[in-house]
Amino acid sequence: MYHAILGNNHYGRRHLRDALDILARTRHKYPFDKIVSHKFPLDEINEVMAAQDQGHITRASLVP
């Protein structure tokens, strides 16, 4: 089975910096920790992708 990790390649460094700044400034106002439904170690990527394909996971975060 083939999987690809798609990143954010349509924006420049400034956009990422601005987005991180917004997240940092508003972290107490919005529940950003609830945006990610699951967190997994990177070495479980195949299991995560399979679970996502089956509709069991949405908005997962892979942590190195």
N, C-alpha and C. Protein backbone atom coordinates (compact mmCIF):
# COMPACT_ATOMS: atom_id res chain seq x y z
N MET A 1 0.85 -1.17 0.00
CA MET A 1 0.00 0.00 0.00
C MET A 1 0.90 1.24 0.00
N TYR A 2 0.58 2.21 -0.83
CA TYR A 2 1.36 3.43 -0.94
C TYR A 2 0.65 4.58 -0.23
N HIS A 3 1.40 5.31 0.56
CA HIS A 3 0.87 6.50 1.22
C HIS A 3 1.84 7.65 1.02
N ALA A 4 1.31 8.81 0.98
CA ALA A 4 2.13 10.01 0.85
C ALA A 4 1.79 10.96 1.98
N ILE A 5 2.78 11.65 2.44
CA ILE A 5 2.56 12.71 3.42
C ILE A 5 2.62 14.02 2.65
N LEU A 6 1.53 14.73 2.66
CA LEU A 6 1.46 16.00 1.95
C LEU A 6 1.72 17.13 2.92
N GLY A 7 2.55 18.02 2.51
CA GLY A 7 2.89 19.14 3.38
C GLY A 7 2.34 20.44 2.84
N ASN A 8 2.71 21.47 3.49
CA ASN A 8 2.29 22.80 3.14
C ASN A 8 3.38 23.42 2.28
N ASN A 9 3.25 23.30 0.95
CA ASN A 9 4.31 23.83 0.10
C ASN A 9 3.86 25.01 -0.76
N HIS A 10 2.72 25.54 -0.49
CA HIS A 10 2.22 26.67 -1.27
C HIS A 10 2.43 28.01 -0.56
N TYR A 11 3.07 27.97 0.56
CA TYR A 11 3.26 29.18 1.34
C TYR A 11 4.73 29.35 1.67
N GLY A 12 5.13 30.57 1.83
CA GLY A 12 6.52 30.86 2.15
C GLY A 12 6.78 30.82 3.65
N ARG A 13 8.02 31.00 4.03
CA ARG A 13 8.40 30.99 5.44
C ARG A 13 7.64 32.03 6.25
N ARG A 14 7.44 33.18 5.64
CA ARG A 14 6.73 34.26 6.33
C ARG A 14 5.33 33.81 6.74
N HIS A 15 4.65 33.08 5.86
CA HIS A 15 3.30 32.62 6.17
C HIS A 15 3.29 31.65 7.34
N LEU A 16 4.26 30.75 7.37
CA LEU A 16 4.35 29.81 8.48
C LEU A 16 4.65 30.56 9.78
N ARG A 17 5.58 31.51 9.71
CA ARG A 17 5.91 32.31 10.89
C ARG A 17 4.68 33.07 11.39
N ASP A 18 3.93 33.67 10.46
CA ASP A 18 2.72 34.41 10.84
C ASP A 18 1.68 33.48 11.47
N ALA A 19 1.50 32.29 10.88
CA ALA A 19 0.52 31.34 11.42
C ALA A 19 0.91 30.89 12.82
N LEU A 20 2.19 30.59 13.02
CA LEU A 20 2.64 30.18 14.35
C LEU A 20 2.49 31.31 15.36
N ASP A 21 2.72 32.54 14.91
CA ASP A 21 2.53 33.70 15.79
C ASP A 21 1.07 33.83 16.21
N ILE A 22 0.16 33.65 15.27
CA ILE A 22 -1.28 33.72 15.59
C ILE A 22 -1.65 32.63 16.59
N LEU A 23 -1.16 31.41 16.35
CA LEU A 23 -1.44 30.31 17.28
C LEU A 23 -0.92 30.63 18.68
N ALA A 24 0.29 31.17 18.75
CA ALA A 24 0.88 31.48 20.05
C ALA A 24 0.10 32.60 20.76
N ARG A 25 -0.29 33.62 20.01
CA ARG A 25 -1.00 34.75 20.63
C ARG A 25 -2.41 34.41 21.06
N THR A 26 -3.04 33.46 20.40
CA THR A 26 -4.45 33.16 20.69
C THR A 26 -4.64 31.80 21.37
N ARG A 27 -3.56 31.21 21.86
CA ARG A 27 -3.66 29.85 22.43
C ARG A 27 -4.58 29.78 23.64
N HIS A 28 -4.76 30.88 24.35
CA HIS A 28 -5.65 30.88 25.51
C HIS A 28 -7.10 31.18 25.12
N LYS A 29 -7.29 31.69 23.92
CA LYS A 29 -8.62 32.06 23.47
C LYS A 29 -9.34 30.92 22.74
N TYR A 30 -8.58 30.11 22.01
CA TYR A 30 -9.16 29.03 21.21
C TYR A 30 -8.58 27.68 21.64
N PRO A 31 -9.39 26.62 21.61
CA PRO A 31 -8.92 25.29 22.03
C PRO A 31 -8.17 24.56 20.91
N PHE A 32 -7.00 25.07 20.53
CA PHE A 32 -6.26 24.47 19.43
C PHE A 32 -5.87 23.02 19.71
N ASP A 33 -5.75 22.66 20.99
CA ASP A 33 -5.39 21.28 21.33
C ASP A 33 -6.50 20.30 20.95
N LYS A 34 -7.70 20.81 20.71
CA LYS A 34 -8.82 19.94 20.34
C LYS A 34 -8.96 19.78 18.83
N ILE A 35 -8.14 20.49 18.06
CA ILE A 35 -8.19 20.37 16.61
C ILE A 35 -7.69 19.00 16.17
N VAL A 36 -6.66 18.51 16.83
CA VAL A 36 -6.08 17.20 16.51
C VAL A 36 -6.85 16.14 17.29
N SER A 37 -7.36 15.15 16.57
CA SER A 37 -8.16 14.11 17.24
C SER A 37 -7.29 13.02 17.86
N HIS A 38 -6.14 12.75 17.28
CA HIS A 38 -5.26 11.68 17.77
C HIS A 38 -3.80 12.09 17.56
N LYS A 39 -2.92 11.61 18.42
CA LYS A 39 -1.47 11.80 18.25
C LYS A 39 -0.81 10.43 18.28
N PHE A 40 0.11 10.23 17.33
CA PHE A 40 0.80 8.95 17.20
C PHE A 40 2.28 9.18 16.97
N PRO A 41 3.12 8.25 17.40
CA PRO A 41 4.54 8.35 17.05
C PRO A 41 4.71 8.08 15.55
N LEU A 42 5.70 8.70 14.97
CA LEU A 42 5.93 8.59 13.53
C LEU A 42 6.11 7.14 13.08
N ASP A 43 6.67 6.30 13.92
CA ASP A 43 6.90 4.91 13.51
C ASP A 43 5.61 4.09 13.39
N GLU A 44 4.48 4.67 13.76
CA GLU A 44 3.18 3.99 13.60
C GLU A 44 2.42 4.50 12.38
N ILE A 45 3.13 5.14 11.45
CA ILE A 45 2.47 5.79 10.32
C ILE A 45 1.62 4.83 9.50
N ASN A 46 2.08 3.61 9.28
CA ASN A 46 1.30 2.66 8.46
C ASN A 46 -0.02 2.31 9.13
N GLU A 47 0.00 2.09 10.44
CA GLU A 47 -1.23 1.78 11.16
C GLU A 47 -2.18 2.97 11.15
N VAL A 48 -1.62 4.16 11.30
CA VAL A 48 -2.43 5.38 11.30
C VAL A 48 -3.10 5.58 9.94
N MET A 49 -2.34 5.40 8.87
CA MET A 49 -2.90 5.56 7.53
C MET A 49 -4.00 4.53 7.27
N ALA A 50 -3.80 3.30 7.72
CA ALA A 50 -4.82 2.27 7.53
C ALA A 50 -6.09 2.62 8.30
N ALA A 51 -5.94 3.08 9.53
CA ALA A 51 -7.10 3.47 10.34
C ALA A 51 -7.81 4.68 9.72
N GLN A 52 -7.03 5.60 9.16
CA GLN A 52 -7.63 6.76 8.51
C GLN A 52 -8.39 6.33 7.25
N ASP A 53 -7.82 5.43 6.48
CA ASP A 53 -8.50 4.93 5.28
C ASP A 53 -9.84 4.28 5.62
N GLN A 54 -9.93 3.68 6.80
CA GLN A 54 -11.16 3.02 7.23
C GLN A 54 -12.13 3.99 7.90
N GLY A 55 -11.72 5.25 8.04
CA GLY A 55 -12.59 6.26 8.63
C GLY A 55 -12.60 6.29 10.14
N HIS A 56 -11.62 5.63 10.78
CA HIS A 56 -11.57 5.60 12.24
C HIS A 56 -10.85 6.80 12.85
N ILE A 57 -10.09 7.51 12.04
CA ILE A 57 -9.28 8.62 12.54
C ILE A 57 -9.48 9.83 11.64
N THR A 58 -9.61 10.99 12.25
CA THR A 58 -9.60 12.25 11.51
C THR A 58 -8.62 13.18 12.22
N ARG A 59 -7.96 13.99 11.47
CA ARG A 59 -7.03 15.00 12.00
C ARG A 59 -5.97 14.42 12.93
N ALA A 60 -5.28 13.41 12.48
CA ALA A 60 -4.21 12.82 13.28
C ALA A 60 -2.94 13.64 13.17
N SER A 61 -2.14 13.58 14.20
CA SER A 61 -0.85 14.23 14.23
C SER A 61 0.21 13.16 14.44
N LEU A 62 1.25 13.18 13.60
CA LEU A 62 2.37 12.27 13.75
C LEU A 62 3.49 13.02 14.44
N VAL A 63 3.99 12.46 15.52
CA VAL A 63 5.01 13.11 16.32
C VAL A 63 6.33 12.38 16.14
N PRO A 64 7.39 13.08 15.69
CA PRO A 64 8.69 12.41 15.50
C PRO A 64 9.27 11.88 16.79
